[in-house]
Protein backbone atom coordinates (compact mmCIF):
# COMPACT_ATOMS: atom_id res chain seq x y z
CA MET A 1 -40.63 48.08 -8.99
CA ASP A 2 -36.95 48.43 -8.77
CA VAL A 3 -36.93 46.98 -5.37
CA LEU A 4 -39.29 44.15 -6.30
CA ASN A 5 -37.01 43.29 -9.32
CA GLY A 6 -33.99 43.35 -7.16
CA LEU A 7 -35.65 40.91 -4.72
CA LEU A 8 -36.94 38.53 -7.34
CA LEU A 9 -33.74 38.13 -9.44
CA PRO A 10 -31.60 36.55 -6.71
CA ILE A 11 -34.52 34.25 -5.87
CA LEU A 12 -35.04 32.99 -9.35
CA LEU A 13 -31.34 32.45 -9.87
CA SER A 14 -30.92 30.48 -6.66
CA CYS A 15 -33.85 28.14 -7.61
CA THR A 16 -32.37 27.63 -11.15
CA VAL A 17 -29.05 26.59 -9.75
CA CYS A 18 -30.54 24.19 -7.22
CA TYR A 19 -32.65 22.52 -9.87
CA SER A 20 -29.73 22.08 -12.34
CA SER A 21 -27.51 20.53 -9.57
CA ASP A 22 -30.22 18.12 -8.39
CA VAL A 23 -30.98 16.42 -11.73
CA ARG A 24 -27.53 16.53 -13.38
CA HIS A 25 -26.20 13.51 -11.53
CA ILE A 26 -29.22 11.41 -10.79
CA GLN A 27 -30.56 9.31 -13.81
CA LEU A 28 -32.89 6.59 -12.83
CA GLN A 29 -34.93 6.17 -16.11
CA PRO A 30 -34.60 2.65 -17.63
CA GLU A 31 -33.01 2.54 -21.12
CA GLN A 32 -31.41 -0.02 -23.47
CA ILE A 33 -34.22 -2.40 -22.92
CA HIS A 34 -33.91 -5.82 -24.51
CA LEU A 35 -35.51 -9.44 -24.31
CA SER A 36 -33.65 -12.70 -24.40
CA ALA A 37 -34.75 -16.34 -24.36
CA THR A 38 -33.85 -18.70 -21.53
CA GLY A 39 -34.57 -22.01 -23.22
CA ASN A 40 -37.77 -22.43 -21.37
CA ALA A 41 -40.85 -21.53 -23.49
CA GLY A 42 -42.65 -20.34 -20.41
CA GLU A 43 -39.95 -17.65 -19.55
CA MET A 44 -38.52 -14.45 -20.92
CA MET A 45 -35.49 -12.50 -19.64
CA VAL A 46 -35.83 -8.58 -19.52
CA THR A 47 -32.47 -6.64 -19.26
CA TRP A 48 -31.93 -2.87 -19.11
CA SER A 49 -29.58 -0.15 -17.81
CA THR A 50 -29.84 2.90 -15.49
CA VAL A 51 -27.00 5.31 -14.93
CA ASN A 52 -27.65 5.31 -11.16
CA ASP A 53 -28.85 2.38 -8.93
CA THR A 54 -32.54 2.21 -8.18
CA LYS A 55 -34.55 0.95 -5.29
CA ALA A 56 -35.63 -2.16 -7.12
CA SER A 57 -35.63 -3.98 -10.53
CA LEU A 58 -39.13 -4.70 -11.52
CA VAL A 59 -41.12 -5.71 -14.53
CA ARG A 60 -44.98 -5.15 -14.49
CA PHE A 61 -46.47 -7.32 -17.16
CA GLY A 62 -49.85 -8.98 -18.26
CA LYS A 63 -51.99 -10.24 -20.96
CA ASN A 64 -53.41 -6.73 -21.35
CA ILE A 65 -52.30 -3.22 -20.56
CA THR A 66 -53.47 -3.35 -16.91
CA LEU A 67 -50.14 -5.15 -16.25
CA ASN A 68 -51.46 -7.10 -13.30
CA LEU A 69 -48.34 -9.23 -12.75
CA VAL A 70 -45.01 -8.18 -11.19
CA ALA A 71 -41.57 -9.88 -11.47
CA LYS A 72 -38.51 -8.86 -9.41
CA GLY A 73 -34.90 -9.21 -10.33
CA THR A 74 -31.43 -7.89 -9.45
CA SER A 75 -29.02 -5.25 -10.65
CA SER A 76 -25.23 -5.12 -10.79
CA ILE A 77 -22.80 -2.33 -11.47
CA PHE A 78 -20.71 -2.37 -14.68
CA VAL A 79 -17.74 -0.17 -15.00
CA ASP A 80 -16.29 0.59 -18.39
CA GLY A 81 -12.51 -0.11 -18.76
CA GLY A 82 -11.75 3.22 -20.41
CA PRO A 83 -10.01 6.21 -18.72
CA GLU A 84 -13.15 7.74 -17.53
CA LYS A 85 -14.37 4.48 -15.67
CA ARG A 86 -17.86 5.30 -16.58
CA SER A 87 -20.41 3.15 -14.76
CA GLN A 88 -23.98 1.99 -15.10
CA PHE A 89 -26.32 -0.47 -13.46
CA ILE A 90 -27.46 -3.52 -15.45
CA HIS A 91 -30.86 -4.89 -14.39
CA ARG A 92 -32.06 -8.39 -15.05
CA VAL A 93 -35.55 -9.79 -14.45
CA LYS A 94 -36.87 -13.24 -15.45
CA LEU A 95 -40.51 -13.60 -16.31
CA THR A 96 -41.90 -17.01 -15.55
CA GLY A 97 -45.15 -18.89 -15.82
CA LEU A 98 -45.90 -17.48 -19.34
CA SER A 99 -48.73 -19.08 -21.20
CA PRO A 100 -47.68 -20.54 -24.56
CA ALA A 101 -48.08 -18.34 -27.69
CA GLN A 102 -49.72 -15.62 -25.56
CA MET A 103 -49.13 -11.91 -26.18
CA TYR A 104 -47.82 -9.96 -23.20
CA TYR A 105 -47.49 -6.25 -22.46
CA TYR A 106 -44.83 -4.96 -20.13
CA HIS A 107 -42.72 -2.12 -18.84
CA CYS A 108 -39.72 -2.16 -16.59
CA GLY A 109 -38.01 -0.06 -14.02
CA SER A 110 -39.07 0.77 -10.51
CA GLU A 111 -40.93 3.53 -8.53
CA ASP A 112 -37.98 5.69 -9.43
CA GLY A 113 -39.03 5.61 -13.10
CA TRP A 114 -40.65 3.33 -15.67
CA SER A 115 -39.91 2.47 -19.33
CA PRO A 116 -42.41 2.99 -22.16
CA LEU A 117 -44.86 0.11 -22.66
CA PHE A 118 -43.61 -2.76 -24.92
CA PHE A 119 -45.01 -6.13 -25.91
CA PHE A 120 -43.86 -9.60 -26.85
CA LYS A 121 -45.34 -13.05 -27.74
CA ALA A 122 -44.38 -15.97 -25.52
CA PHE A 123 -43.13 -19.01 -27.54
CA PRO A 124 -45.42 -22.09 -28.20
CA ASN A 125 -44.49 -24.90 -25.82
CA THR A 126 -44.33 -27.59 -28.64
CA THR A 127 -42.01 -28.67 -31.42
CA ASP A 128 -44.50 -28.79 -34.35
CA TRP A 129 -44.10 -25.24 -35.46
CA SER A 130 -41.57 -23.26 -37.57
CA PRO A 131 -39.76 -20.39 -35.87
CA ARG A 132 -39.07 -17.27 -37.94
CA PHE A 133 -35.53 -15.77 -37.52
CA ALA A 134 -33.79 -12.65 -38.55
CA MET A 135 -30.07 -13.26 -38.50
CA TYR A 136 -27.11 -10.93 -39.15
CA GLY A 137 -23.71 -9.80 -37.92
CA ASP A 138 -21.57 -6.70 -38.04
CA LEU A 139 -24.16 -4.07 -37.27
CA GLY A 140 -22.87 -0.62 -36.13
CA ASN A 141 -24.30 2.71 -35.16
CA GLU A 142 -23.46 4.32 -38.42
CA ASN A 143 -24.77 3.03 -41.73
CA ALA A 144 -27.08 0.57 -40.00
CA GLN A 145 -28.99 0.12 -43.29
CA SER A 146 -31.11 -2.79 -42.25
CA LEU A 147 -32.18 -1.26 -38.92
CA SER A 148 -35.28 0.55 -40.10
CA ARG A 149 -36.58 -2.58 -41.88
CA LEU A 150 -36.02 -4.64 -38.78
CA GLN A 151 -37.90 -2.19 -36.70
CA GLU A 152 -40.89 -2.36 -38.87
CA GLU A 153 -40.90 -6.07 -39.53
CA VAL A 154 -40.26 -6.98 -35.89
CA GLN A 155 -43.11 -4.75 -34.52
CA LYS A 156 -45.43 -6.20 -37.15
CA GLY A 157 -44.71 -9.70 -35.71
CA MET A 158 -42.76 -11.13 -38.66
CA TYR A 159 -40.03 -12.71 -36.45
CA ASP A 160 -39.86 -14.77 -33.41
CA THR A 161 -36.22 -14.19 -32.67
CA VAL A 162 -33.38 -11.98 -33.78
CA PHE A 163 -29.85 -13.22 -33.91
CA HIS A 164 -27.00 -10.91 -33.92
CA ILE A 165 -23.79 -13.00 -34.69
CA GLY A 166 -21.03 -10.79 -33.45
CA ASP A 167 -19.58 -7.34 -34.03
CA PHE A 168 -21.83 -4.62 -32.23
CA ALA A 169 -21.81 -0.88 -32.62
CA TYR A 170 -18.22 -0.52 -33.79
CA GLU A 171 -17.53 -0.59 -30.95
CA LEU A 172 -19.30 -1.08 -27.71
CA GLU A 173 -16.36 0.39 -25.59
CA GLU A 174 -15.78 3.26 -27.86
CA ASP A 175 -15.71 6.85 -26.17
CA ASN A 176 -15.69 5.17 -22.69
CA GLY A 177 -18.72 3.17 -23.64
CA ARG A 178 -20.89 5.94 -24.98
CA VAL A 179 -21.01 4.25 -28.40
CA GLY A 180 -22.20 1.03 -26.77
CA ASP A 181 -25.01 2.97 -24.87
CA MET A 182 -26.07 4.58 -28.19
CA PHE A 183 -26.11 1.27 -29.95
CA MET A 184 -28.15 -0.38 -27.27
CA ARG A 185 -30.69 2.47 -27.36
CA GLN A 186 -30.75 2.12 -31.11
CA ILE A 187 -31.77 -1.55 -31.12
CA GLU A 188 -34.27 -1.21 -28.30
CA SER A 189 -37.04 -0.72 -30.99
CA VAL A 190 -36.20 -4.21 -32.05
CA ALA A 191 -34.85 -5.97 -29.02
CA ALA A 192 -37.66 -4.86 -26.66
CA TYR A 193 -40.21 -6.80 -28.77
CA VAL A 194 -38.44 -10.15 -29.56
CA PRO A 195 -35.54 -12.01 -27.93
CA TYR A 196 -32.22 -10.47 -29.16
CA MET A 197 -29.90 -13.40 -29.11
CA THR A 198 -26.14 -12.89 -29.62
CA ALA A 199 -22.85 -14.31 -30.33
CA VAL A 200 -19.49 -12.72 -29.43
CA GLY A 201 -17.23 -11.34 -32.22
CA ASN A 202 -13.61 -9.98 -32.57
CA HIS A 203 -14.82 -6.31 -32.20
CA GLU A 204 -16.03 -7.02 -28.63
CA ALA A 205 -12.50 -8.11 -27.49
CA SER A 206 -11.54 -4.98 -25.50
CA TYR A 207 -11.23 -5.26 -21.69
CA ASN A 208 -11.66 -9.04 -21.87
CA PHE A 209 -15.07 -8.70 -23.71
CA SER A 210 -16.44 -6.91 -20.66
CA HIS A 211 -19.10 -4.93 -22.63
CA TYR A 212 -20.53 -8.04 -24.30
CA LYS A 213 -20.37 -10.08 -21.11
CA ASN A 214 -22.18 -7.39 -19.17
CA ARG A 215 -24.65 -5.85 -21.41
CA PHE A 216 -26.42 -9.08 -22.62
CA THR A 217 -28.10 -11.92 -20.76
CA MET A 218 -27.99 -15.25 -22.69
CA PRO A 219 -28.90 -18.67 -21.33
CA ASN A 220 -26.55 -19.86 -18.70
CA PHE A 221 -24.81 -16.46 -18.62
CA GLU A 222 -23.96 -16.90 -14.91
CA GLU A 223 -21.47 -19.69 -15.89
CA THR A 224 -20.24 -18.77 -19.39
CA ALA A 225 -20.60 -14.96 -19.38
CA ASN A 226 -22.63 -15.17 -22.66
CA LEU A 227 -19.62 -16.61 -24.59
CA TRP A 228 -21.34 -20.00 -25.29
CA TYR A 229 -24.62 -21.41 -24.58
CA SER A 230 -27.56 -23.45 -26.25
CA TRP A 231 -31.38 -23.41 -26.02
CA ASP A 232 -34.33 -25.11 -27.75
CA ILE A 233 -36.99 -23.27 -29.87
CA GLY A 234 -39.73 -25.35 -31.67
CA PRO A 235 -38.06 -28.35 -33.51
CA ALA A 236 -34.58 -26.77 -33.24
CA HIS A 237 -31.67 -27.01 -30.83
CA ILE A 238 -29.61 -23.81 -31.12
CA ILE A 239 -25.82 -23.76 -30.20
CA VAL A 240 -23.97 -20.59 -30.03
CA PHE A 241 -20.12 -20.73 -29.40
CA SER A 242 -17.18 -18.44 -29.35
CA THR A 243 -14.69 -18.34 -32.14
CA GLU A 244 -12.76 -15.74 -30.21
CA VAL A 245 -11.40 -18.05 -27.71
CA TYR A 246 -9.10 -19.40 -30.48
CA TYR A 247 -7.52 -15.97 -31.03
CA TYR A 248 -7.38 -14.02 -27.82
CA PHE A 249 -5.12 -16.32 -25.76
CA GLN A 250 -4.29 -13.60 -23.36
CA TYR A 251 -7.68 -14.00 -21.71
CA GLY A 252 -7.09 -17.59 -20.92
CA LEU A 253 -6.21 -20.88 -22.84
CA PHE A 254 -8.55 -22.71 -20.47
CA LEU A 255 -11.54 -21.14 -22.31
CA ILE A 256 -10.66 -23.30 -25.25
CA THR A 257 -10.80 -26.54 -23.20
CA HIS A 258 -14.01 -25.47 -21.26
CA GLN A 259 -15.93 -24.61 -24.32
CA LEU A 260 -14.75 -27.71 -26.26
CA ASN A 261 -15.82 -30.04 -23.38
CA TRP A 262 -19.11 -28.25 -23.05
CA LEU A 263 -19.71 -28.44 -26.83
CA LYS A 264 -19.09 -32.23 -26.95
CA GLN A 265 -21.58 -32.83 -24.17
CA ASP A 266 -24.15 -30.54 -25.59
CA LEU A 267 -23.94 -32.13 -29.11
CA LYS A 268 -24.24 -35.56 -27.53
CA ALA A 269 -27.38 -34.67 -25.70
CA ALA A 270 -28.85 -32.93 -28.74
CA ASN A 271 -28.23 -36.00 -30.93
CA LYS A 272 -30.02 -38.25 -28.58
CA ASN A 273 -33.00 -35.93 -28.80
CA ARG A 274 -33.26 -35.87 -32.61
CA ALA A 275 -36.62 -37.49 -32.66
CA GLU A 276 -38.16 -34.44 -30.78
CA ARG A 277 -35.80 -31.73 -32.15
CA PRO A 278 -34.33 -32.93 -35.54
CA TRP A 279 -32.51 -29.58 -36.21
CA VAL A 280 -29.28 -28.89 -34.55
CA ILE A 281 -28.12 -25.39 -35.60
CA THR A 282 -24.67 -23.96 -34.68
CA MET A 283 -23.81 -20.18 -34.78
CA ALA A 284 -20.49 -18.44 -34.38
CA HIS A 285 -18.92 -15.26 -35.54
CA ARG A 286 -15.81 -16.26 -37.73
CA PRO A 287 -16.22 -18.69 -40.60
CA MET A 288 -15.35 -22.32 -40.18
CA TYR A 289 -14.88 -22.96 -43.82
CA CYS A 290 -14.13 -20.49 -46.76
CA THR A 291 -14.71 -20.44 -50.45
CA ASP A 292 -12.57 -17.34 -51.15
CA THR A 293 -10.15 -15.13 -49.51
CA ASP A 294 -11.14 -12.06 -47.40
CA GLY A 295 -7.70 -10.65 -46.21
CA ASP A 296 -8.37 -12.02 -42.71
CA ASP A 297 -9.32 -15.48 -41.71
CA CYS A 298 -9.92 -16.87 -45.12
CA SER A 299 -6.51 -15.80 -46.43
CA LYS A 300 -4.71 -17.99 -43.91
CA ARG A 301 -3.61 -21.41 -45.21
CA TYR A 302 -4.59 -22.89 -41.76
CA ASN A 303 -7.81 -21.52 -40.35
CA ILE A 304 -7.77 -22.24 -36.64
CA VAL A 305 -11.53 -22.17 -36.24
CA SER A 306 -11.72 -25.23 -38.50
CA THR A 307 -10.02 -27.30 -35.92
CA VAL A 308 -13.27 -27.47 -33.90
CA SER A 309 -15.15 -28.96 -36.88
CA PHE A 310 -14.12 -32.55 -36.14
CA ILE A 311 -16.62 -32.85 -33.29
CA PHE A 312 -19.58 -32.28 -35.55
CA PHE A 313 -18.87 -35.47 -37.44
CA HIS A 314 -18.86 -37.79 -34.46
């Protein structure tokens, strides 16, 4: 028995060391899954992260859990700006050809690993319905008092879209991006079931808003990096713009001009389409007008955000 024990012990130790070494650095499981609208009622964007790159970026989906449809997308590497330079891969897949108001089931990933099963309901392809929104800003990892209620109500089908109007996680880049990863995992139980539409806030400013630009996928993200965009839902035209371009000049004064020119054209087109979509709704993080002082924007005699307000009256 002594000889047997002596032979077995090194073998077991050797296998343990090999196993730990193999799995420590390879993480292919999808996480931080979230949906976003594209502006086309027959489409839905699925975005997720993996620590390591995978062979493919796939979404299997369908009208039942057989998931008989497959959509392919792309991935790109995102490197945090902190001292550790932590990296992850952001995967994006657009689902197309969705039937109006149809429930779909899906999971995402690749043959290297799949997410849990989620579901969503495609938008109706008409303007004669009333979308139901949940809207908030300034949601962090700690003291996220509304999160449990959102989780329950979203999964019960009470909302068609969630809007998060700036300031995420507090903050996405903290601890070399680990706080951002934790936040995105936390909201997955909301954002994997309905489009999670965003606006940029001042707390996303680090590293030229890189976490916000890379983690989300809003309409037209290839051209505006999620800073401003618009889309249609039911009888409403939604416009989201960045108030932060008026404060963080170090990232480029040209952003002010580009956004303003885009906003003028978008409002002009939306105004011509009032018969079909009478509601034009704008969203941004900082207030344009104030009724009291808050020690920040509203305490300033000249609120720079209000300078953009003139275009809404022409």
